[in-house]
Amino acid sequence: MGYLQFKTTPKAVTEGGDIGSGQVELRHVHPAFFLEMQLIKLHTHEGSDSRKLDAEATPYVIRGFQANERIERGVATWTGSASASGSIVLTFGTVFNSAPQVFVTIQSGNSNYTIGINTPTTSQVTIYWEDLTANTHTSLNVGWIAIGR
């Protein structure tokens, strides 16, 4: 059994006559792409009915999210007397059904920081920060995202 020989050939050109009347005239469209463009008209929506996003309704779009998952986000500001470290108790706007995953980052200052959290509860998390250069601050903004149910 021998190896197959592959060769490349130019793609066929889609002619203006291949596109239905009233449609945009595209002269050089790959046939597979042209088919996808034709199928777009089958996916229309009118009105403003709301529907929960779930994996069945939107395959591959929300992969990685669990059913009924939601996100809260914001900026918490630490203020106090000059200090090189501190903490913020952050209370979520809406209580989660189970402890969410929380991600934090420093959004102000020009220094070398370390930042972390304790174990979140359904209603709050404590954010800890420290300036590793020992610079002191009286105010510091911390961006946060909480993802959970």
Protein backbone atom coordinates (compact mmCIF):
# COMPACT_ATOMS: atom_id res chain seq x y z
CA MET A 1 0.00 0.00 0.00
CA GLY A 2 1.51 3.31 -1.04
CA TYR A 3 1.11 6.84 0.23
CA LEU A 4 -1.49 9.14 -1.29
CA GLN A 5 -0.34 12.17 -3.19
CA PHE A 6 -2.06 15.38 -2.19
CA LYS A 7 -2.31 18.44 -4.36
CA THR A 8 -3.91 21.80 -3.92
CA THR A 9 -6.34 23.31 -6.36
CA PRO A 10 -7.90 26.75 -6.40
CA LYS A 11 -11.30 27.12 -4.74
CA ALA A 12 -14.32 27.51 -6.96
CA VAL A 13 -15.63 31.05 -7.29
CA THR A 14 -19.19 31.77 -6.21
CA GLU A 15 -20.85 33.72 -9.01
CA GLY A 16 -23.37 36.50 -8.47
CA GLY A 17 -26.04 34.30 -10.08
CA ASP A 18 -25.50 31.66 -7.39
CA ILE A 19 -26.90 34.04 -4.79
CA GLY A 20 -30.69 34.46 -4.61
CA SER A 21 -32.33 37.70 -5.64
CA GLY A 22 -32.44 40.40 -3.02
CA GLN A 23 -29.37 39.06 -1.23
CA VAL A 24 -25.99 40.72 -0.93
CA GLU A 25 -23.81 39.95 -3.90
CA LEU A 26 -20.57 38.32 -2.77
CA ARG A 27 -18.32 37.27 -5.61
CA HIS A 28 -15.57 35.22 -3.94
CA VAL A 29 -17.05 33.21 -1.10
CA HIS A 30 -16.00 29.68 -0.15
CA PRO A 31 -18.99 27.31 -0.69
CA ALA A 32 -19.07 26.12 2.93
CA PHE A 33 -19.09 29.71 4.18
CA PHE A 34 -21.78 30.58 1.64
CA LEU A 35 -23.96 27.75 3.00
CA GLU A 36 -23.52 29.00 6.58
CA MET A 37 -24.54 32.49 5.45
CA GLN A 38 -27.69 31.08 3.87
CA LEU A 39 -28.54 29.24 7.09
CA ILE A 40 -28.36 32.45 9.13
CA LYS A 41 -31.78 33.45 7.86
CA LEU A 42 -33.20 30.33 9.54
CA HIS A 43 -32.08 31.62 12.95
CA THR A 44 -34.21 34.68 13.60
CA HIS A 45 -35.79 35.99 16.78
CA GLU A 46 -38.44 38.61 17.31
CA GLY A 47 -39.57 40.06 20.60
CA SER A 48 -37.85 40.02 23.94
CA ASP A 49 -38.75 36.70 25.54
CA SER A 50 -36.16 35.78 28.12
CA ARG A 51 -34.85 32.27 28.57
CA LYS A 52 -32.26 30.86 30.93
CA LEU A 53 -29.09 29.96 29.09
CA ASP A 54 -28.38 26.30 29.38
CA ALA A 55 -26.05 23.93 27.57
CA GLU A 56 -28.91 22.45 25.53
CA ALA A 57 -30.11 25.84 24.28
CA THR A 58 -26.65 27.14 23.42
CA PRO A 59 -24.24 24.26 22.82
CA TYR A 60 -20.56 25.19 23.07
CA VAL A 61 -21.40 28.78 24.05
CA ILE A 62 -21.62 28.45 27.82
CA ARG A 63 -19.46 25.36 28.26
CA GLY A 64 -17.73 25.60 31.59
CA PHE A 65 -20.67 27.28 33.29
CA GLN A 66 -23.07 25.27 35.38
CA ALA A 67 -26.84 25.56 35.11
CA ASN A 68 -28.22 28.64 36.89
CA GLU A 69 -24.73 30.03 37.49
CA ARG A 70 -24.40 33.78 37.87
CA ILE A 71 -21.67 36.39 38.18
CA GLU A 72 -21.32 39.36 40.52
CA ARG A 73 -18.46 41.80 40.03
CA GLY A 74 -17.29 45.16 41.23
CA VAL A 75 -14.57 47.25 42.82
CA ALA A 76 -14.04 47.29 46.58
CA THR A 77 -12.07 50.16 48.09
CA TRP A 78 -9.92 49.77 51.18
CA THR A 79 -9.40 53.00 53.12
CA GLY A 80 -7.62 53.56 56.38
CA SER A 81 -4.58 55.11 58.05
CA ALA A 82 -1.28 54.68 56.20
CA SER A 83 -0.58 50.97 56.02
CA ALA A 84 1.36 48.46 53.93
CA SER A 85 -1.36 45.80 54.30
CA GLY A 86 -5.06 45.50 54.96
CA SER A 87 -8.27 43.61 54.48
CA ILE A 88 -11.74 44.26 53.13
CA VAL A 89 -14.87 42.35 54.11
CA LEU A 90 -16.90 42.16 50.90
CA THR A 91 -20.62 41.36 51.18
CA PHE A 92 -22.24 40.11 47.97
CA GLY A 93 -25.27 41.97 46.63
CA THR A 94 -27.30 38.75 46.46
CA VAL A 95 -26.61 35.70 48.58
CA PHE A 96 -25.38 32.68 46.61
CA ASN A 97 -26.89 29.20 47.13
CA SER A 98 -23.39 27.78 47.64
CA ALA A 99 -20.01 29.42 48.18
CA PRO A 100 -18.88 31.05 44.90
CA GLN A 101 -15.46 31.14 43.32
CA VAL A 102 -13.95 34.59 43.90
CA PHE A 103 -11.17 36.23 41.91
CA VAL A 104 -9.47 39.47 43.01
CA THR A 105 -6.87 41.87 41.62
CA ILE A 106 -5.40 45.22 42.66
CA GLN A 107 -6.67 48.04 40.46
CA SER A 108 -4.82 51.01 41.89
CA GLY A 109 -1.39 51.92 43.09
CA ASN A 110 1.98 51.42 41.49
CA SER A 111 3.74 48.87 43.63
CA ASN A 112 4.45 45.18 44.13
CA TYR A 113 1.37 43.68 45.80
CA THR A 114 0.20 40.30 46.93
CA ILE A 115 -3.53 39.75 47.24
CA GLY A 116 -5.69 36.85 48.35
CA ILE A 117 -8.94 35.82 49.98
CA ASN A 118 -10.17 33.59 52.78
CA THR A 119 -12.67 30.81 52.05
CA PRO A 120 -15.80 32.51 50.67
CA THR A 121 -19.22 31.95 52.23
CA THR A 122 -22.54 32.31 50.43
CA SER A 123 -22.79 35.94 51.53
CA GLN A 124 -19.26 37.36 51.84
CA VAL A 125 -15.52 37.00 51.44
CA THR A 126 -12.58 38.73 53.09
CA ILE A 127 -9.92 40.14 50.76
CA TYR A 128 -6.36 40.52 52.09
CA TRP A 129 -3.65 42.64 50.46
CA GLU A 130 -0.05 43.53 51.20
CA ASP A 131 2.43 45.90 49.58
CA LEU A 132 5.63 43.86 49.32
CA THR A 133 7.77 46.99 48.98
CA ALA A 134 6.44 48.23 52.37
CA ASN A 135 4.99 51.40 50.81
CA THR A 136 2.05 52.66 52.82
CA HIS A 137 -1.38 53.48 51.43
CA THR A 138 -4.52 55.20 52.68
CA SER A 139 -6.75 53.94 49.86
CA LEU A 140 -6.58 50.95 47.49
CA ASN A 141 -9.04 49.69 44.85
CA VAL A 142 -9.54 45.93 44.44
CA GLY A 143 -11.44 44.48 41.47
CA TRP A 144 -13.38 41.31 42.19
CA ILE A 145 -15.53 38.71 40.42
CA ALA A 146 -17.68 36.09 42.16
CA ILE A 147 -19.05 33.17 40.10
CA GLY A 148 -21.51 30.72 41.59
CA ARG A 149 -25.11 29.63 42.00
